[in-house]
N, C-alpha and C. Protein backbone atom coordinates (compact mmCIF):
# COMPACT_ATOMS: atom_id res chain seq x y z
N MET A 1 -52.40 30.80 -14.87
CA MET A 1 -53.44 31.55 -15.57
C MET A 1 -52.83 32.83 -16.14
N ASN A 2 -53.29 33.22 -17.27
CA ASN A 2 -52.82 34.43 -17.93
C ASN A 2 -53.09 35.63 -17.01
N GLU A 3 -52.07 36.41 -16.76
CA GLU A 3 -52.18 37.55 -15.85
C GLU A 3 -53.21 38.60 -16.32
N GLU A 4 -53.42 38.71 -17.64
CA GLU A 4 -54.32 39.73 -18.16
C GLU A 4 -55.79 39.40 -17.92
N MET A 5 -56.12 38.14 -17.74
CA MET A 5 -57.51 37.75 -17.56
C MET A 5 -57.97 38.14 -16.17
N THR A 6 -59.15 38.68 -16.09
CA THR A 6 -59.69 39.06 -14.79
C THR A 6 -60.59 37.99 -14.22
N GLU A 7 -61.17 37.18 -15.05
CA GLU A 7 -62.08 36.14 -14.60
C GLU A 7 -61.77 34.84 -15.34
N PRO A 8 -61.75 33.72 -14.61
CA PRO A 8 -61.51 32.45 -15.30
C PRO A 8 -62.61 32.16 -16.32
N LEU A 9 -62.22 31.58 -17.44
CA LEU A 9 -63.13 31.29 -18.53
C LEU A 9 -63.34 29.78 -18.63
N TYR A 10 -64.60 29.39 -18.70
CA TYR A 10 -64.96 27.97 -18.71
C TYR A 10 -65.78 27.61 -19.94
N VAL A 11 -65.77 26.33 -20.25
CA VAL A 11 -66.74 25.75 -21.16
C VAL A 11 -67.48 24.70 -20.35
N LEU A 12 -68.75 24.53 -20.66
CA LEU A 12 -69.55 23.49 -20.03
C LEU A 12 -69.87 22.47 -21.11
N VAL A 13 -69.60 21.20 -20.81
CA VAL A 13 -69.80 20.12 -21.77
C VAL A 13 -70.83 19.15 -21.21
N GLU A 14 -71.88 18.93 -21.99
CA GLU A 14 -72.91 17.97 -21.62
C GLU A 14 -72.66 16.67 -22.36
N GLY A 15 -72.77 15.58 -21.64
CA GLY A 15 -72.55 14.27 -22.24
C GLY A 15 -73.83 13.62 -22.71
N PRO A 16 -73.71 12.45 -23.30
CA PRO A 16 -74.89 11.70 -23.74
C PRO A 16 -75.62 11.10 -22.54
N ALA A 17 -76.61 10.30 -22.81
CA ALA A 17 -77.34 9.63 -21.74
C ALA A 17 -76.42 8.71 -20.95
N PRO A 18 -76.69 8.52 -19.67
CA PRO A 18 -75.90 7.55 -18.91
C PRO A 18 -76.00 6.17 -19.59
N GLY A 19 -74.90 5.50 -19.68
CA GLY A 19 -74.91 4.17 -20.28
C GLY A 19 -74.76 4.15 -21.78
N GLU A 20 -74.55 5.28 -22.41
CA GLU A 20 -74.37 5.29 -23.87
C GLU A 20 -72.92 4.94 -24.20
N ALA A 21 -72.57 3.72 -23.86
CA ALA A 21 -71.21 3.25 -24.07
C ALA A 21 -70.82 3.21 -25.53
N LEU A 22 -71.78 2.91 -26.40
CA LEU A 22 -71.47 2.83 -27.82
C LEU A 22 -71.03 4.20 -28.35
N LEU A 23 -71.75 5.25 -27.99
CA LEU A 23 -71.36 6.59 -28.43
C LEU A 23 -69.99 6.97 -27.85
N LEU A 24 -69.80 6.72 -26.56
CA LEU A 24 -68.51 7.06 -25.95
C LEU A 24 -67.38 6.24 -26.55
N GLY A 25 -67.65 4.97 -26.85
CA GLY A 25 -66.63 4.13 -27.48
C GLY A 25 -66.25 4.65 -28.85
N ARG A 26 -67.25 4.99 -29.64
CA ARG A 26 -66.97 5.55 -30.97
C ARG A 26 -66.23 6.88 -30.87
N TRP A 27 -66.59 7.66 -29.86
CA TRP A 27 -65.96 8.96 -29.64
C TRP A 27 -64.47 8.77 -29.35
N LEU A 28 -64.15 7.80 -28.50
CA LEU A 28 -62.75 7.51 -28.16
C LEU A 28 -62.00 6.97 -29.38
N VAL A 29 -62.65 6.10 -30.14
CA VAL A 29 -62.02 5.58 -31.36
C VAL A 29 -61.75 6.71 -32.35
N ALA A 30 -62.70 7.64 -32.48
CA ALA A 30 -62.51 8.78 -33.38
C ALA A 30 -61.29 9.60 -32.95
N ALA A 31 -61.07 9.73 -31.65
CA ALA A 31 -59.90 10.47 -31.16
C ALA A 31 -58.62 9.72 -31.52
N ALA A 32 -58.62 8.40 -31.36
CA ALA A 32 -57.43 7.60 -31.73
C ALA A 32 -57.17 7.70 -33.23
N GLU A 33 -58.23 7.68 -34.02
CA GLU A 33 -58.07 7.83 -35.48
C GLU A 33 -57.53 9.21 -35.83
N ALA A 34 -57.96 10.24 -35.10
CA ALA A 34 -57.44 11.59 -35.34
C ALA A 34 -55.94 11.64 -35.02
N ASP A 35 -55.51 10.91 -34.00
CA ASP A 35 -54.08 10.85 -33.69
C ASP A 35 -53.30 10.27 -34.86
N GLN A 36 -53.80 9.19 -35.45
CA GLN A 36 -53.12 8.57 -36.58
C GLN A 36 -53.13 9.51 -37.79
N THR A 37 -54.25 10.17 -38.00
CA THR A 37 -54.35 11.12 -39.12
C THR A 37 -53.36 12.26 -38.94
N LEU A 38 -53.20 12.72 -37.69
CA LEU A 38 -52.22 13.78 -37.42
C LEU A 38 -50.81 13.31 -37.74
N GLN A 39 -50.47 12.10 -37.34
CA GLN A 39 -49.12 11.57 -37.64
C GLN A 39 -48.91 11.49 -39.15
N ASP A 40 -49.93 11.07 -39.87
CA ASP A 40 -49.84 11.03 -41.34
C ASP A 40 -49.65 12.44 -41.91
N GLN A 41 -50.33 13.42 -41.31
CA GLN A 41 -50.21 14.80 -41.77
C GLN A 41 -48.80 15.34 -41.51
N PHE A 42 -48.21 14.97 -40.38
CA PHE A 42 -46.83 15.38 -40.10
C PHE A 42 -45.89 14.84 -41.18
N LYS A 43 -46.16 13.63 -41.67
CA LYS A 43 -45.32 13.05 -42.73
C LYS A 43 -45.54 13.80 -44.04
N GLN A 44 -46.78 14.18 -44.32
CA GLN A 44 -47.08 14.91 -45.56
C GLN A 44 -46.54 16.33 -45.53
N ASN A 45 -46.56 16.94 -44.35
CA ASN A 45 -46.09 18.32 -44.21
C ASN A 45 -45.08 18.38 -43.07
N PRO A 46 -43.82 18.10 -43.36
CA PRO A 46 -42.80 18.08 -42.31
C PRO A 46 -42.64 19.42 -41.58
N ASN A 47 -43.04 20.52 -42.20
CA ASN A 47 -42.93 21.83 -41.55
C ASN A 47 -44.00 22.05 -40.48
N LEU A 48 -45.04 21.26 -40.48
CA LEU A 48 -46.14 21.45 -39.54
C LEU A 48 -45.67 21.34 -38.10
N LYS A 49 -44.82 20.39 -37.82
CA LYS A 49 -44.31 20.20 -36.45
C LYS A 49 -43.67 21.49 -35.93
N GLU A 50 -42.90 22.13 -36.78
CA GLU A 50 -42.26 23.39 -36.40
C GLU A 50 -43.28 24.52 -36.25
N GLN A 51 -44.28 24.54 -37.13
CA GLN A 51 -45.30 25.60 -37.09
C GLN A 51 -46.14 25.55 -35.82
N ILE A 52 -46.28 24.37 -35.23
CA ILE A 52 -47.10 24.25 -34.02
C ILE A 52 -46.25 23.97 -32.78
N SER A 53 -44.96 24.19 -32.88
CA SER A 53 -44.07 23.82 -31.78
C SER A 53 -44.47 24.46 -30.45
N ARG A 54 -45.03 25.65 -30.47
CA ARG A 54 -45.45 26.31 -29.22
C ARG A 54 -46.61 25.56 -28.56
N LEU A 55 -47.39 24.85 -29.36
CA LEU A 55 -48.50 24.08 -28.79
C LEU A 55 -48.01 22.82 -28.08
N GLU A 56 -46.80 22.39 -28.44
CA GLU A 56 -46.30 21.14 -27.90
C GLU A 56 -45.16 21.33 -26.90
N ILE A 57 -45.14 22.47 -26.24
CA ILE A 57 -44.09 22.71 -25.25
C ILE A 57 -44.22 21.77 -24.05
N VAL A 58 -45.43 21.61 -23.55
CA VAL A 58 -45.64 20.77 -22.38
C VAL A 58 -45.80 19.31 -22.75
N ARG A 59 -46.59 19.03 -23.79
CA ARG A 59 -46.81 17.65 -24.22
C ARG A 59 -47.19 17.63 -25.69
N CYS A 60 -47.01 16.48 -26.31
CA CYS A 60 -47.37 16.31 -27.71
C CYS A 60 -48.89 16.35 -27.85
N ILE A 61 -49.34 16.79 -29.01
CA ILE A 61 -50.77 16.80 -29.31
C ILE A 61 -51.23 15.36 -29.44
N ARG A 62 -52.14 14.95 -28.55
CA ARG A 62 -52.72 13.60 -28.59
C ARG A 62 -54.20 13.70 -28.29
N PHE A 63 -54.98 13.50 -29.32
CA PHE A 63 -56.44 13.59 -29.17
C PHE A 63 -56.96 12.51 -28.24
N SER A 64 -56.37 11.31 -28.31
CA SER A 64 -56.87 10.21 -27.48
C SER A 64 -56.62 10.48 -26.00
N SER A 65 -55.53 11.13 -25.65
CA SER A 65 -55.28 11.48 -24.24
C SER A 65 -56.32 12.47 -23.74
N ALA A 66 -56.60 13.48 -24.56
CA ALA A 66 -57.60 14.48 -24.18
C ALA A 66 -58.98 13.85 -24.10
N ALA A 67 -59.32 13.01 -25.08
CA ALA A 67 -60.64 12.37 -25.08
C ALA A 67 -60.81 11.50 -23.83
N THR A 68 -59.78 10.79 -23.45
CA THR A 68 -59.83 9.97 -22.24
C THR A 68 -60.06 10.85 -21.02
N ARG A 69 -59.37 11.96 -20.96
CA ARG A 69 -59.55 12.88 -19.83
C ARG A 69 -60.97 13.45 -19.79
N PHE A 70 -61.51 13.80 -20.94
CA PHE A 70 -62.86 14.36 -20.98
C PHE A 70 -63.90 13.31 -20.56
N VAL A 71 -63.70 12.07 -20.98
CA VAL A 71 -64.62 11.00 -20.54
C VAL A 71 -64.49 10.79 -19.04
N GLU A 72 -63.27 10.85 -18.53
CA GLU A 72 -63.05 10.73 -17.09
C GLU A 72 -63.81 11.83 -16.33
N LEU A 73 -63.74 13.05 -16.81
CA LEU A 73 -64.46 14.15 -16.17
C LEU A 73 -65.98 13.93 -16.25
N LEU A 74 -66.45 13.45 -17.37
CA LEU A 74 -67.88 13.17 -17.53
C LEU A 74 -68.34 12.07 -16.58
N MET A 75 -67.51 11.09 -16.35
CA MET A 75 -67.90 9.95 -15.52
C MET A 75 -68.10 10.32 -14.04
N LYS A 76 -67.66 11.49 -13.65
CA LYS A 76 -67.84 11.89 -12.25
C LYS A 76 -69.30 12.05 -11.88
N ASN A 77 -70.15 12.46 -12.85
CA ASN A 77 -71.58 12.58 -12.54
C ASN A 77 -72.48 12.12 -13.68
N LEU A 78 -71.90 11.63 -14.77
CA LEU A 78 -72.63 11.09 -15.92
C LEU A 78 -73.54 12.11 -16.61
N THR A 79 -73.32 13.39 -16.33
CA THR A 79 -74.17 14.43 -16.90
C THR A 79 -73.36 15.44 -17.70
N CYS A 80 -72.41 16.11 -17.04
CA CYS A 80 -71.67 17.20 -17.67
C CYS A 80 -70.40 17.48 -16.89
N PHE A 81 -69.58 18.33 -17.46
CA PHE A 81 -68.40 18.81 -16.74
C PHE A 81 -68.06 20.21 -17.21
N ALA A 82 -67.46 20.97 -16.31
CA ALA A 82 -66.97 22.31 -16.63
C ALA A 82 -65.45 22.22 -16.78
N LEU A 83 -64.93 22.91 -17.76
CA LEU A 83 -63.50 22.86 -18.04
C LEU A 83 -62.96 24.28 -18.09
N LEU A 84 -61.94 24.54 -17.30
CA LEU A 84 -61.27 25.83 -17.29
C LEU A 84 -60.38 25.91 -18.53
N LEU A 85 -60.61 26.90 -19.37
CA LEU A 85 -59.88 27.00 -20.64
C LEU A 85 -58.41 27.29 -20.47
N ASP A 86 -58.04 27.91 -19.38
CA ASP A 86 -56.65 28.31 -19.20
C ASP A 86 -55.80 27.22 -18.54
N GLU A 87 -56.35 26.04 -18.40
CA GLU A 87 -55.57 24.93 -17.84
C GLU A 87 -55.17 23.98 -18.95
N GLU A 88 -54.50 22.92 -18.59
CA GLU A 88 -53.84 22.07 -19.57
C GLU A 88 -54.73 21.49 -20.66
N TRP A 89 -56.00 21.25 -20.41
CA TRP A 89 -56.86 20.63 -21.41
C TRP A 89 -57.66 21.64 -22.24
N GLY A 90 -57.54 22.92 -21.94
CA GLY A 90 -58.30 23.93 -22.67
C GLY A 90 -57.93 24.00 -24.14
N GLU A 91 -56.65 23.92 -24.44
CA GLU A 91 -56.23 23.98 -25.83
C GLU A 91 -56.73 22.77 -26.62
N MET A 92 -56.66 21.59 -26.00
CA MET A 92 -57.15 20.39 -26.67
C MET A 92 -58.66 20.45 -26.87
N PHE A 93 -59.37 21.03 -25.89
CA PHE A 93 -60.80 21.18 -26.08
C PHE A 93 -61.09 22.04 -27.30
N ALA A 94 -60.39 23.16 -27.43
CA ALA A 94 -60.61 24.06 -28.57
C ALA A 94 -60.35 23.32 -29.89
N LEU A 95 -59.29 22.54 -29.94
CA LEU A 95 -58.99 21.78 -31.15
C LEU A 95 -60.09 20.77 -31.45
N MET A 96 -60.50 20.04 -30.42
CA MET A 96 -61.50 18.99 -30.63
C MET A 96 -62.87 19.57 -30.95
N ALA A 97 -63.17 20.74 -30.42
CA ALA A 97 -64.43 21.41 -30.78
C ALA A 97 -64.40 21.79 -32.26
N GLU A 98 -63.27 22.30 -32.69
CA GLU A 98 -63.13 22.69 -34.10
C GLU A 98 -63.23 21.48 -35.03
N LEU A 99 -62.83 20.32 -34.54
CA LEU A 99 -62.85 19.11 -35.36
C LEU A 99 -64.17 18.35 -35.27
N GLY A 100 -65.11 18.86 -34.48
CA GLY A 100 -66.44 18.26 -34.45
C GLY A 100 -66.69 17.26 -33.33
N PHE A 101 -65.82 17.19 -32.34
CA PHE A 101 -66.05 16.30 -31.20
C PHE A 101 -67.08 16.89 -30.23
N PHE A 102 -67.27 18.20 -30.32
CA PHE A 102 -68.23 18.91 -29.48
C PHE A 102 -69.02 19.85 -30.38
N ARG A 103 -70.30 20.05 -30.05
CA ARG A 103 -71.13 21.00 -30.80
C ARG A 103 -71.73 22.00 -29.82
N LEU A 104 -71.60 23.26 -30.15
CA LEU A 104 -72.16 24.33 -29.31
C LEU A 104 -73.67 24.37 -29.48
N THR A 105 -74.38 24.32 -28.35
CA THR A 105 -75.84 24.47 -28.33
C THR A 105 -76.15 25.48 -27.24
N GLY A 106 -76.46 26.69 -27.64
CA GLY A 106 -76.70 27.73 -26.64
C GLY A 106 -75.40 28.09 -25.95
N ASP A 107 -75.38 27.95 -24.64
CA ASP A 107 -74.20 28.32 -23.85
C ASP A 107 -73.32 27.13 -23.48
N ARG A 108 -73.68 25.96 -23.94
CA ARG A 108 -72.89 24.78 -23.58
C ARG A 108 -72.59 23.94 -24.81
N TYR A 109 -71.63 23.06 -24.64
CA TYR A 109 -71.23 22.16 -25.71
C TYR A 109 -71.81 20.77 -25.45
N GLN A 110 -72.13 20.09 -26.54
CA GLN A 110 -72.59 18.72 -26.48
C GLN A 110 -71.47 17.82 -26.99
N MET A 111 -71.20 16.75 -26.27
CA MET A 111 -70.25 15.76 -26.72
C MET A 111 -70.96 14.94 -27.80
N ILE A 112 -70.41 14.92 -29.02
CA ILE A 112 -71.04 14.21 -30.12
C ILE A 112 -70.01 13.36 -30.86
N GLU A 113 -70.50 12.39 -31.59
CA GLU A 113 -69.61 11.58 -32.42
C GLU A 113 -69.22 12.39 -33.64
N PRO A 114 -67.94 12.63 -33.85
CA PRO A 114 -67.53 13.46 -34.99
C PRO A 114 -67.52 12.66 -36.29
N GLU A 115 -67.61 13.40 -37.37
CA GLU A 115 -67.36 12.81 -38.69
C GLU A 115 -65.85 12.53 -38.76
N PRO A 116 -65.42 11.59 -39.59
CA PRO A 116 -63.97 11.40 -39.75
C PRO A 116 -63.30 12.71 -40.17
N VAL A 117 -62.13 12.98 -39.59
CA VAL A 117 -61.45 14.23 -39.89
C VAL A 117 -60.23 13.99 -40.78
N SER A 118 -60.04 14.89 -41.70
CA SER A 118 -58.91 14.79 -42.62
C SER A 118 -57.67 15.41 -42.00
N GLY A 119 -56.54 15.05 -42.54
CA GLY A 119 -55.28 15.64 -42.08
C GLY A 119 -55.24 17.14 -42.31
N SER A 120 -55.80 17.59 -43.42
CA SER A 120 -55.78 19.03 -43.69
C SER A 120 -56.68 19.78 -42.71
N LYS A 121 -57.79 19.17 -42.30
CA LYS A 121 -58.66 19.81 -41.32
C LYS A 121 -57.96 19.90 -39.96
N ILE A 122 -57.26 18.85 -39.59
CA ILE A 122 -56.50 18.88 -38.33
C ILE A 122 -55.41 19.95 -38.41
N GLU A 123 -54.71 19.99 -39.54
CA GLU A 123 -53.65 20.99 -39.71
C GLU A 123 -54.22 22.40 -39.60
N THR A 124 -55.35 22.66 -40.23
CA THR A 124 -55.98 23.98 -40.15
C THR A 124 -56.34 24.34 -38.72
N ALA A 125 -56.91 23.38 -37.98
CA ALA A 125 -57.27 23.63 -36.58
C ALA A 125 -56.03 23.92 -35.73
N LEU A 126 -54.97 23.18 -35.95
CA LEU A 126 -53.73 23.40 -35.20
C LEU A 126 -53.14 24.78 -35.50
N LEU A 127 -53.13 25.15 -36.76
CA LEU A 127 -52.57 26.45 -37.14
C LEU A 127 -53.44 27.60 -36.61
N ARG A 128 -54.75 27.40 -36.59
CA ARG A 128 -55.63 28.44 -36.02
C ARG A 128 -55.33 28.61 -34.54
N LEU A 129 -55.19 27.51 -33.81
CA LEU A 129 -54.89 27.61 -32.38
C LEU A 129 -53.51 28.25 -32.18
N ALA A 130 -52.53 27.84 -32.95
CA ALA A 130 -51.19 28.42 -32.83
C ALA A 130 -51.21 29.92 -33.11
N SER A 131 -52.08 30.35 -33.99
CA SER A 131 -52.15 31.78 -34.34
C SER A 131 -52.72 32.64 -33.20
N THR A 132 -53.24 32.03 -32.15
CA THR A 132 -53.78 32.80 -31.03
C THR A 132 -52.70 33.19 -30.02
N GLU A 133 -51.47 32.78 -30.27
CA GLU A 133 -50.37 33.10 -29.36
C GLU A 133 -50.16 34.62 -29.30
N ASP A 134 -50.02 35.14 -28.08
CA ASP A 134 -49.82 36.58 -27.92
C ASP A 134 -48.34 36.91 -27.73
N ASP A 135 -48.04 38.18 -27.46
CA ASP A 135 -46.66 38.64 -27.31
C ASP A 135 -45.95 38.04 -26.11
N GLN A 136 -46.72 37.58 -25.13
CA GLN A 136 -46.13 36.94 -23.94
C GLN A 136 -46.09 35.41 -24.09
N TYR A 137 -46.34 34.92 -25.31
CA TYR A 137 -46.29 33.50 -25.63
C TYR A 137 -47.41 32.67 -25.01
N PHE A 138 -48.52 33.31 -24.67
CA PHE A 138 -49.70 32.58 -24.19
C PHE A 138 -50.55 32.19 -25.39
N ILE A 139 -51.08 30.99 -25.35
CA ILE A 139 -52.03 30.52 -26.35
C ILE A 139 -53.42 30.83 -25.80
N HIS A 140 -54.33 31.26 -26.65
CA HIS A 140 -55.67 31.68 -26.22
C HIS A 140 -56.77 30.83 -26.86
N PRO A 141 -57.07 29.67 -26.28
CA PRO A 141 -58.15 28.84 -26.83
C PRO A 141 -59.50 29.55 -26.78
N GLU A 142 -59.64 30.50 -25.87
CA GLU A 142 -60.91 31.22 -25.74
C GLU A 142 -61.24 32.04 -26.98
N TYR A 143 -60.25 32.29 -27.84
CA TYR A 143 -60.52 33.00 -29.09
C TYR A 143 -61.28 32.12 -30.09
N LEU A 144 -61.24 30.80 -29.86
CA LEU A 144 -61.82 29.85 -30.82
C LEU A 144 -63.12 29.20 -30.35
N VAL A 145 -63.44 29.35 -29.08
CA VAL A 145 -64.64 28.70 -28.55
C VAL A 145 -65.49 29.70 -27.79
N SER A 146 -66.72 29.31 -27.55
CA SER A 146 -67.63 30.13 -26.76
C SER A 146 -67.42 29.74 -25.29
N PHE A 147 -67.25 30.73 -24.44
CA PHE A 147 -66.96 30.44 -23.04
C PHE A 147 -67.96 31.13 -22.13
N ILE A 148 -67.96 30.70 -20.87
CA ILE A 148 -68.84 31.26 -19.86
C ILE A 148 -68.04 31.45 -18.57
N SER A 149 -68.63 32.18 -17.63
CA SER A 149 -67.96 32.39 -16.34
C SER A 149 -68.08 31.14 -15.47
N GLU A 150 -67.26 31.07 -14.46
CA GLU A 150 -67.31 29.95 -13.52
C GLU A 150 -68.68 29.86 -12.84
N LEU A 151 -69.21 31.00 -12.41
CA LEU A 151 -70.51 31.02 -11.74
C LEU A 151 -71.60 30.50 -12.67
N TYR A 152 -71.60 30.97 -13.90
CA TYR A 152 -72.60 30.53 -14.87
C TYR A 152 -72.45 29.03 -15.17
N ALA A 153 -71.21 28.57 -15.28
CA ALA A 153 -70.96 27.14 -15.51
C ALA A 153 -71.50 26.30 -14.35
N GLU A 154 -71.27 26.76 -13.13
CA GLU A 154 -71.75 26.01 -11.96
C GLU A 154 -73.27 26.00 -11.89
N LYS A 155 -73.90 27.12 -12.25
CA LYS A 155 -75.37 27.16 -12.26
C LYS A 155 -75.93 26.18 -13.30
N TRP A 156 -75.34 26.17 -14.49
CA TRP A 156 -75.77 25.25 -15.54
C TRP A 156 -75.54 23.81 -15.13
N LYS A 157 -74.40 23.55 -14.53
CA LYS A 157 -74.09 22.19 -14.06
C LYS A 157 -75.15 21.71 -13.08
N SER A 158 -75.46 22.55 -12.10
CA SER A 158 -76.47 22.20 -11.10
C SER A 158 -77.83 21.95 -11.75
N ARG A 159 -78.18 22.81 -12.69
CA ARG A 159 -79.45 22.68 -13.40
C ARG A 159 -79.52 21.35 -14.15
N LEU A 160 -78.47 21.03 -14.89
CA LEU A 160 -78.45 19.79 -15.67
C LEU A 160 -78.44 18.56 -14.77
N GLU A 161 -77.69 18.63 -13.68
CA GLU A 161 -77.61 17.49 -12.76
C GLU A 161 -78.93 17.24 -12.03
N SER A 162 -79.74 18.29 -11.86
CA SER A 162 -81.00 18.13 -11.13
C SER A 162 -82.14 17.63 -12.02
N LEU A 163 -81.97 17.69 -13.34
CA LEU A 163 -83.00 17.20 -14.25
C LEU A 163 -83.03 15.67 -14.24
N PRO A 164 -84.22 15.09 -14.34
CA PRO A 164 -84.27 13.64 -14.56
C PRO A 164 -83.51 13.33 -15.85
N TRP A 165 -82.73 12.27 -15.86
CA TRP A 165 -81.85 12.02 -16.99
C TRP A 165 -82.60 11.88 -18.31
N MET A 166 -83.80 11.30 -18.29
CA MET A 166 -84.55 11.15 -19.54
C MET A 166 -84.97 12.51 -20.10
N GLN A 167 -85.32 13.43 -19.23
CA GLN A 167 -85.68 14.78 -19.69
C GLN A 167 -84.45 15.49 -20.24
N ARG A 168 -83.33 15.37 -19.53
CA ARG A 168 -82.09 16.00 -19.99
C ARG A 168 -81.69 15.48 -21.36
N VAL A 169 -81.78 14.18 -21.55
CA VAL A 169 -81.40 13.57 -22.83
C VAL A 169 -82.36 13.99 -23.94
N ALA A 170 -83.64 14.10 -23.62
CA ALA A 170 -84.62 14.57 -24.62
C ALA A 170 -84.33 16.02 -25.00
N ASP A 171 -84.03 16.86 -24.01
CA ASP A 171 -83.67 18.26 -24.29
C ASP A 171 -82.41 18.33 -25.14
N ARG A 172 -81.44 17.49 -24.82
CA ARG A 172 -80.18 17.44 -25.58
C ARG A 172 -80.47 17.08 -27.04
N ALA A 173 -81.33 16.10 -27.26
CA ALA A 173 -81.66 15.67 -28.63
C ALA A 173 -82.30 16.81 -29.41
N ILE A 174 -83.18 17.55 -28.76
CA ILE A 174 -83.81 18.70 -29.42
C ILE A 174 -82.77 19.75 -29.78
N LEU A 175 -81.87 20.05 -28.84
CA LEU A 175 -80.83 21.05 -29.10
C LEU A 175 -79.96 20.62 -30.27
N LEU A 176 -79.61 19.34 -30.33
CA LEU A 176 -78.74 18.86 -31.40
C LEU A 176 -79.46 18.89 -32.76
N GLU A 177 -80.76 18.69 -32.77
CA GLU A 177 -81.53 18.78 -34.02
C GLU A 177 -81.58 20.21 -34.53
N GLU A 178 -81.63 21.17 -33.62
CA GLU A 178 -81.75 22.58 -33.99
C GLU A 178 -80.46 23.17 -34.52
N THR A 179 -79.32 22.57 -34.21
CA THR A 179 -78.04 23.15 -34.65
C THR A 179 -77.49 22.45 -35.86
């Protein structure tokens, strides 16, 4: 964790209704398509790989790997998950939120099916994330997303998990219509 931060920063992600395999399947396919689009963009702009090299120190940018991890986290309770931004998946979350895989509704994000993303949109998102690097070489995904405290994330998680799933899904639909 970044030494300068005093409190861990989280995002809370709410998933679709339990059993919405079609949405989750499309979501995973969209991530795989984004991976292919990124590879095409690297071919169109050979300098991009160098421009984002700090983002790929630990692992290559792979949307499908992150999407699989996020679905895995969601499957633990079929409702939502909290993600610490300063850990390995925080940067990918910020990228995927920027690309439309998540939509902010109030204090939490909704997992949604994204529109197809262009190579230039992916490139812009990558360069924005890379530009958050500080003098100590830390990347700051929290500059690009709305975050909450761990305590607040846990309270929201408990609240969402205690709602009957049909009510939670109806509330989610209303939130998505409003944004």
